[in-house]
Amino acid sequence: MADGGVLALSGVITVYTAHEWVDRYPAGAASITVDAGAVTVCDSALIALLLAWRRRASREGATITVRNLPESALALANIYGVTSLVS
């Protein structure tokens, strides 16, 4: 993925499927936009995935932006107090 590219999440991202997305992080990119607009079902595993990617981006000196996070994921992020980190 080139810098400024979009990583599109889609489908079901739950505790049972999130592991399939972990390695899709675009190593070496200086900026990453994660678009979660096509996520159809999610649970707290989506929040965990985004936080893991944010930590990795921080370690690599990259920026990460998340857009179109499902309302249910925003609600979970609010409960966990991490809204600013995943939205």
C-alpha atoms as a PDB file:
ATOM      1  CA  MET A   1       0.000   0.000   0.000  1.00  0.00           C
ATOM      2  CA  ALA A   2       1.370   3.363  -0.938  1.00  0.00           C
ATOM      3  CA  ASP A   3       1.337   6.178   1.556  1.00  0.00           C
ATOM      4  CA  GLY A   4      -2.080   7.707   1.790  1.00  0.00           C
ATOM      5  CA  GLY A   5      -3.758   4.472   0.716  1.00  0.00           C
ATOM      6  CA  VAL A   6      -6.986   3.127   2.109  1.00  0.00           C
ATOM      7  CA  LEU A   7      -7.277  -0.180   3.932  1.00  0.00           C
ATOM      8  CA  ALA A   8     -10.926  -1.180   3.590  1.00  0.00           C
ATOM      9  CA  LEU A   9     -12.387  -3.398   6.296  1.00  0.00           C
ATOM     10  CA  SER A  10     -15.440  -5.416   5.345  1.00  0.00           C
ATOM     11  CA  GLY A  11     -17.807  -8.117   6.455  1.00  0.00           C
ATOM     12  CA  VAL A  12     -17.864  -9.609   9.912  1.00  0.00           C
ATOM     13  CA  ILE A  13     -15.122  -8.546  12.310  1.00  0.00           C
ATOM     14  CA  THR A  14     -15.598 -10.291  15.634  1.00  0.00           C
ATOM     15  CA  VAL A  15     -13.565 -12.261  18.104  1.00  0.00           C
ATOM     16  CA  TYR A  16     -13.840 -15.158  15.652  1.00  0.00           C
ATOM     17  CA  THR A  17     -12.604 -13.323  12.557  1.00  0.00           C
ATOM     18  CA  ALA A  18     -10.418 -10.390  13.656  1.00  0.00           C
ATOM     19  CA  HIS A  19      -7.258 -12.518  13.523  1.00  0.00           C
ATOM     20  CA  GLU A  20      -7.708 -12.648   9.742  1.00  0.00           C
ATOM     21  CA  TRP A  21      -7.142  -8.877   9.586  1.00  0.00           C
ATOM     22  CA  VAL A  22      -4.149  -8.437  11.913  1.00  0.00           C
ATOM     23  CA  ASP A  23      -1.495  -9.083   9.274  1.00  0.00           C
ATOM     24  CA  ARG A  24      -3.161  -6.847   6.695  1.00  0.00           C
ATOM     25  CA  TYR A  25      -1.588  -3.801   8.319  1.00  0.00           C
ATOM     26  CA  PRO A  26       0.443  -2.081   5.575  1.00  0.00           C
ATOM     27  CA  ALA A  27       3.960  -2.178   7.007  1.00  0.00           C
ATOM     28  CA  GLY A  28       6.171   0.681   5.941  1.00  0.00           C
ATOM     29  CA  ALA A  29       3.390   3.109   5.038  1.00  0.00           C
ATOM     30  CA  ALA A  30       3.762   6.604   6.479  1.00  0.00           C
ATOM     31  CA  SER A  31       0.023   7.231   6.521  1.00  0.00           C
ATOM     32  CA  ILE A  32      -2.874   4.813   6.578  1.00  0.00           C
ATOM     33  CA  THR A  33      -6.605   5.389   6.287  1.00  0.00           C
ATOM     34  CA  VAL A  34      -8.788   2.573   7.568  1.00  0.00           C
ATOM     35  CA  ASP A  35     -12.299   2.620   6.113  1.00  0.00           C
ATOM     36  CA  ALA A  36     -14.716   0.515   8.146  1.00  0.00           C
ATOM     37  CA  GLY A  37     -17.776   1.455   6.106  1.00  0.00           C
ATOM     38  CA  ALA A  38     -18.286  -2.053   4.743  1.00  0.00           C
ATOM     39  CA  VAL A  39     -18.166  -3.793   8.129  1.00  0.00           C
ATOM     40  CA  THR A  40     -21.515  -5.530   8.532  1.00  0.00           C
ATOM     41  CA  VAL A  41     -21.137  -7.049  12.009  1.00  0.00           C
ATOM     42  CA  CYS A  42     -18.590  -6.257  14.689  1.00  0.00           C
ATOM     43  CA  ASP A  43     -17.846  -6.592  18.357  1.00  0.00           C
ATOM     44  CA  SER A  44     -15.073  -5.396  20.642  1.00  0.00           C
ATOM     45  CA  ALA A  45     -12.545  -7.283  18.506  1.00  0.00           C
ATOM     46  CA  LEU A  46     -12.804  -4.502  15.928  1.00  0.00           C
ATOM     47  CA  ILE A  47     -11.816  -1.978  18.594  1.00  0.00           C
ATOM     48  CA  ALA A  48      -8.927  -4.220  19.657  1.00  0.00           C
ATOM     49  CA  LEU A  49      -7.775  -4.542  16.037  1.00  0.00           C
ATOM     50  CA  LEU A  50      -7.809  -0.787  15.508  1.00  0.00           C
ATOM     51  CA  LEU A  51      -5.937  -0.187  18.771  1.00  0.00           C
ATOM     52  CA  ALA A  52      -3.313  -2.764  17.800  1.00  0.00           C
ATOM     53  CA  TRP A  53      -2.847  -1.084  14.425  1.00  0.00           C
ATOM     54  CA  ARG A  54      -2.626   2.340  16.114  1.00  0.00           C
ATOM     55  CA  ARG A  55       0.105   1.045  18.444  1.00  0.00           C
ATOM     56  CA  ARG A  56       2.005  -0.371  15.486  1.00  0.00           C
ATOM     57  CA  ALA A  57       1.637   2.867  13.542  1.00  0.00           C
ATOM     58  CA  SER A  58       2.974   4.778  16.535  1.00  0.00           C
ATOM     59  CA  ARG A  59       5.988   2.478  16.804  1.00  0.00           C
ATOM     60  CA  GLU A  60       6.693   2.925  13.090  1.00  0.00           C
ATOM     61  CA  GLY A  61       6.180   6.697  13.117  1.00  0.00           C
ATOM     62  CA  ALA A  62       3.113   6.445  10.873  1.00  0.00           C
ATOM     63  CA  THR A  63      -0.255   8.135  11.095  1.00  0.00           C
ATOM     64  CA  ILE A  64      -3.511   6.242  11.016  1.00  0.00           C
ATOM     65  CA  THR A  65      -6.985   7.608  10.390  1.00  0.00           C
ATOM     66  CA  VAL A  66     -10.200   5.653  10.832  1.00  0.00           C
ATOM     67  CA  ARG A  67     -13.367   6.581   9.000  1.00  0.00           C
ATOM     68  CA  ASN A  68     -16.892   5.185   8.736  1.00  0.00           C
ATOM     69  CA  LEU A  69     -16.697   3.250  11.985  1.00  0.00           C
ATOM     70  CA  PRO A  70     -20.034   1.466  12.603  1.00  0.00           C
ATOM     71  CA  GLU A  71     -22.258   3.017  15.283  1.00  0.00           C
ATOM     72  CA  SER A  72     -22.015  -0.143  17.389  1.00  0.00           C
ATOM     73  CA  ALA A  73     -18.209   0.104  17.374  1.00  0.00           C
ATOM     74  CA  LEU A  74     -18.380   3.798  18.290  1.00  0.00           C
ATOM     75  CA  ALA A  75     -20.642   2.907  21.206  1.00  0.00           C
ATOM     76  CA  LEU A  76     -18.146   0.303  22.427  1.00  0.00           C
ATOM     77  CA  ALA A  77     -15.243   2.738  22.036  1.00  0.00           C
ATOM     78  CA  ASN A  78     -17.183   5.271  24.100  1.00  0.00           C
ATOM     79  CA  ILE A  79     -17.818   2.712  26.849  1.00  0.00           C
ATOM     80  CA  TYR A  80     -14.112   1.782  26.892  1.00  0.00           C
ATOM     81  CA  GLY A  81     -13.007   5.426  26.842  1.00  0.00           C
ATOM     82  CA  VAL A  82     -11.009   5.062  23.622  1.00  0.00           C
ATOM     83  CA  THR A  83     -13.194   6.935  21.158  1.00  0.00           C
ATOM     84  CA  SER A  84     -10.450   9.424  20.280  1.00  0.00           C
ATOM     85  CA  LEU A  85      -8.079   6.552  19.493  1.00  0.00           C
ATOM     86  CA  VAL A  86     -10.337   4.720  17.051  1.00  0.00           C
ATOM     87  CA  SER A  87     -12.322   7.434  15.323  1.00  0.00           C
END
